[in-house]
Protein backbone atom coordinates (compact mmCIF):
# COMPACT_ATOMS: atom_id res chain seq x y z
CA MET A 1 8.00 6.22 1.19
CA LYS A 2 9.72 6.73 4.56
CA VAL A 3 11.73 3.54 4.09
CA ALA A 4 12.93 4.74 0.67
CA LEU A 5 13.93 8.14 2.06
CA GLY A 6 15.77 6.46 4.93
CA THR A 7 17.65 4.25 2.49
CA VAL A 8 18.61 7.25 0.33
CA GLY A 9 19.68 9.19 3.43
CA ALA A 10 21.82 6.31 4.70
CA TYR A 11 23.51 5.99 1.29
CA LEU A 12 24.23 9.71 1.11
CA ASN A 13 25.81 9.58 4.56
CA GLN A 14 27.95 6.59 3.49
CA ILE A 15 29.36 8.50 0.53
CA GLY A 16 30.33 11.33 2.86
CA LEU A 17 27.67 14.00 2.44
CA PRO A 18 26.96 16.07 5.55
CA ASP A 19 23.57 15.93 7.30
CA SER A 20 22.59 19.33 5.83
CA ALA A 21 23.03 17.89 2.31
CA VAL A 22 21.03 14.75 3.18
CA VAL A 23 18.15 16.89 4.49
CA TYR A 24 18.21 19.00 1.31
CA VAL A 25 18.27 16.00 -1.02
CA THR A 26 15.42 14.15 0.74
CA SER A 27 13.15 17.15 1.36
CA ALA A 28 11.46 17.45 -2.07
CA PRO A 29 7.81 16.27 -2.12
CA PRO A 30 7.04 13.01 -4.00
CA GLU A 31 5.32 14.88 -6.81
CA GLY A 32 7.97 17.58 -7.12
CA ILE A 33 11.65 18.27 -7.48
CA ASP A 34 14.02 20.84 -6.03
CA TRP A 35 16.81 21.72 -8.46
CA LEU A 36 20.21 22.10 -6.83
CA SER A 37 21.78 25.47 -7.65
CA ALA A 38 25.45 26.30 -7.16
CA ASP A 39 24.53 28.53 -4.20
CA ASP A 40 22.39 25.81 -2.57
CA ALA A 41 25.14 23.21 -3.06
CA SER A 42 27.67 25.44 -1.36
CA GLU A 43 25.24 26.26 1.46
CA VAL A 44 24.47 22.58 2.30
CA GLY A 45 28.04 21.32 1.93
CA ILE A 46 27.99 19.63 -1.47
CA ASN A 47 31.21 20.09 -3.43
CA TYR A 48 31.00 19.95 -7.19
CA GLU A 49 32.93 20.67 -10.36
CA LEU A 50 31.39 21.94 -13.56
CA PHE A 51 31.90 19.35 -16.28
CA GLN A 52 32.13 20.50 -19.88
CA SER A 53 31.73 17.74 -22.43
CA GLN A 54 33.62 17.96 -25.69
CA ALA A 55 31.05 15.81 -27.44
CA THR A 56 27.99 17.30 -29.08
CA PRO A 57 24.91 15.50 -27.83
CA GLU A 58 22.88 13.76 -30.48
CA VAL A 59 19.15 14.26 -30.15
CA THR A 60 16.77 12.18 -32.19
CA ALA A 61 13.01 12.38 -32.22
CA THR A 62 11.09 9.18 -32.63
CA GLY A 63 7.80 10.99 -33.17
CA LYS A 64 6.14 8.55 -30.78
CA ASP A 65 4.59 9.47 -27.46
CA PRO A 66 4.20 6.79 -24.81
CA PRO A 67 0.87 5.08 -25.38
CA TYR A 68 -2.28 6.46 -23.84
CA ASP A 69 -3.60 3.48 -21.87
CA PRO A 70 -6.78 4.07 -19.85
CA MET A 71 -7.45 0.32 -19.44
CA GLY A 72 -3.92 -0.51 -18.25
CA THR A 73 -3.77 2.40 -15.81
CA THR A 74 -7.19 1.56 -14.37
CA ALA A 75 -6.29 -2.11 -13.94
CA ALA A 76 -2.99 -1.17 -12.27
CA PHE A 77 -4.82 1.22 -9.93
CA TYR A 78 -7.31 -1.40 -8.76
CA SER A 79 -4.57 -4.03 -8.49
CA ALA A 80 -2.64 -1.72 -6.15
CA LEU A 81 -5.81 -1.13 -4.11
CA ALA A 82 -6.24 -4.90 -3.79
CA ALA A 83 -2.71 -5.12 -2.42
CA ALA A 84 -3.56 -2.35 0.10
CA ASP A 85 -0.60 -0.40 -1.23
CA GLY A 86 -1.30 3.26 -0.53
CA GLU A 87 1.50 4.77 -2.60
CA SER A 88 1.17 2.94 -5.93
CA PRO A 89 -2.50 3.76 -6.61
CA CYS A 90 -1.95 7.40 -5.65
CA ALA A 91 0.94 7.63 -8.12
CA LEU A 92 -1.59 6.78 -10.86
CA VAL A 93 -3.79 9.77 -9.98
CA VAL A 94 -3.34 13.35 -11.24
CA PRO A 95 -0.97 15.14 -8.83
CA GLU A 96 -3.49 17.73 -7.64
CA LYS A 97 -5.71 15.01 -6.14
CA ARG A 98 -3.02 12.88 -4.47
CA GLY A 99 -2.99 12.65 -0.70
CA ARG A 100 -6.57 13.92 -0.29
CA GLY A 101 -9.92 12.26 0.33
CA PRO A 102 -10.11 8.84 -1.29
CA PHE A 103 -6.58 9.25 -2.67
CA ASN A 104 -4.92 9.42 0.76
CA GLU A 105 -2.22 6.76 1.12
CA ALA A 106 -2.90 6.01 4.79
CA SER A 107 -6.67 5.72 4.22
CA ILE A 108 -6.13 3.32 1.32
CA ARG A 109 -3.79 1.12 3.38
CA SER A 110 -6.17 1.13 6.35
CA PHE A 111 -9.39 0.42 4.43
CA PHE A 112 -8.15 -2.09 1.86
CA GLY A 113 -5.70 -3.73 4.26
CA ALA A 114 -8.56 -4.74 6.58
CA MET A 115 -10.53 -6.74 3.99
CA SER A 116 -11.36 -10.35 4.77
CA VAL A 117 -11.57 -10.91 0.99
CA PRO A 118 -9.40 -8.42 -0.91
CA LEU A 119 -10.78 -6.22 -3.65
CA MET A 120 -11.02 -8.03 -6.97
CA LEU A 121 -11.60 -6.30 -10.29
CA THR A 122 -14.25 -8.41 -12.04
CA ASP A 123 -14.76 -6.44 -15.27
CA THR A 124 -13.35 -3.48 -17.19
CA THR A 125 -14.95 -1.90 -20.23
CA LEU A 126 -13.60 1.01 -22.25
CA ARG A 127 -16.39 3.59 -22.64
CA GLY A 128 -15.10 6.20 -25.04
CA ARG A 129 -11.54 7.41 -25.30
CA ASP A 130 -11.00 8.48 -21.66
CA GLU A 131 -13.41 6.47 -19.52
CA VAL A 132 -13.30 2.94 -18.16
CA ARG A 133 -16.22 1.29 -16.38
CA VAL A 134 -15.07 -1.11 -13.71
CA SER A 135 -16.87 -3.75 -11.68
CA TYR A 136 -15.32 -5.00 -8.49
CA GLU A 137 -16.08 -6.89 -5.32
CA TYR A 138 -14.65 -7.36 -1.86
CA VAL A 139 -15.65 -8.43 1.64
CA THR A 140 -14.89 -6.15 4.59
CA ASP A 141 -13.34 -7.37 7.83
CA ARG A 142 -16.87 -7.35 9.30
CA GLY A 143 -18.21 -9.68 6.62
CA ARG A 144 -20.04 -7.04 4.53
CA ARG A 145 -19.92 -8.04 0.85
CA CYS A 146 -19.59 -5.30 -1.73
CA ARG A 147 -20.25 -5.60 -5.45
CA GLY A 148 -19.70 -2.20 -6.96
CA ARG A 149 -19.22 -0.37 -10.22
CA ALA A 150 -17.51 2.90 -11.05
CA ASP A 151 -16.61 5.03 -14.02
CA VAL A 152 -12.93 5.95 -14.07
CA GLU A 153 -11.92 9.03 -16.09
CA THR A 154 -8.35 9.27 -17.34
CA VAL A 155 -6.17 11.94 -18.91
CA TYR A 156 -2.82 11.87 -20.67
CA THR A 157 -0.58 14.28 -18.80
CA LEU A 158 3.02 14.48 -17.63
CA GLY A 159 3.89 11.86 -20.26
CA LYS A 160 1.60 9.16 -18.88
CA THR A 161 -1.98 8.07 -18.42
CA LEU A 162 -3.36 9.18 -15.06
CA ILE A 163 -6.73 8.92 -13.32
CA SER A 164 -8.52 12.25 -13.02
CA ARG A 165 -11.81 11.16 -11.45
CA ILE A 166 -13.68 8.11 -10.18
CA MET A 167 -17.45 8.24 -10.05
CA THR A 168 -18.99 5.40 -8.02
CA LEU A 169 -22.18 4.05 -9.61
CA ASP A 170 -23.12 1.15 -7.32
CA GLY A 171 -21.20 1.85 -4.16
CA CYS A 172 -21.06 -0.17 -1.00
């Protein structure tokens, strides 16, 4: 995340925005957004012009929501854990649980990055509309083998399938 913010900040400096504008633009939390008002733009040194389009926007409804995909989201979550990527699995969790307890990016990187045999998802089974049972295994850096199972609960929110809870059944 810090690398991405640094890249954005460097780009904004290259296009001529002052430091105060760069700080404003890069200060929103990952799960949020700060809308830029005319007053804020003026305060941080961003010049703008109001653009009025002559065209009338065409809005069409397809009637289709993105698919609810508990199996795909769960598989993506465990794949990101296996890669010891702290940010990607957390992005698949409901926002109110991100960054805390087992969904802390640094903890995920530290724990899963130290495996002598990375986490491998060995089975997934859809159990009802919202729940996926997973089986997995890994070997820690100290040689301790884990073969575990968990029930992963999902919800469809914010236009996507997210993980709301993981209940470990056979933990290590």
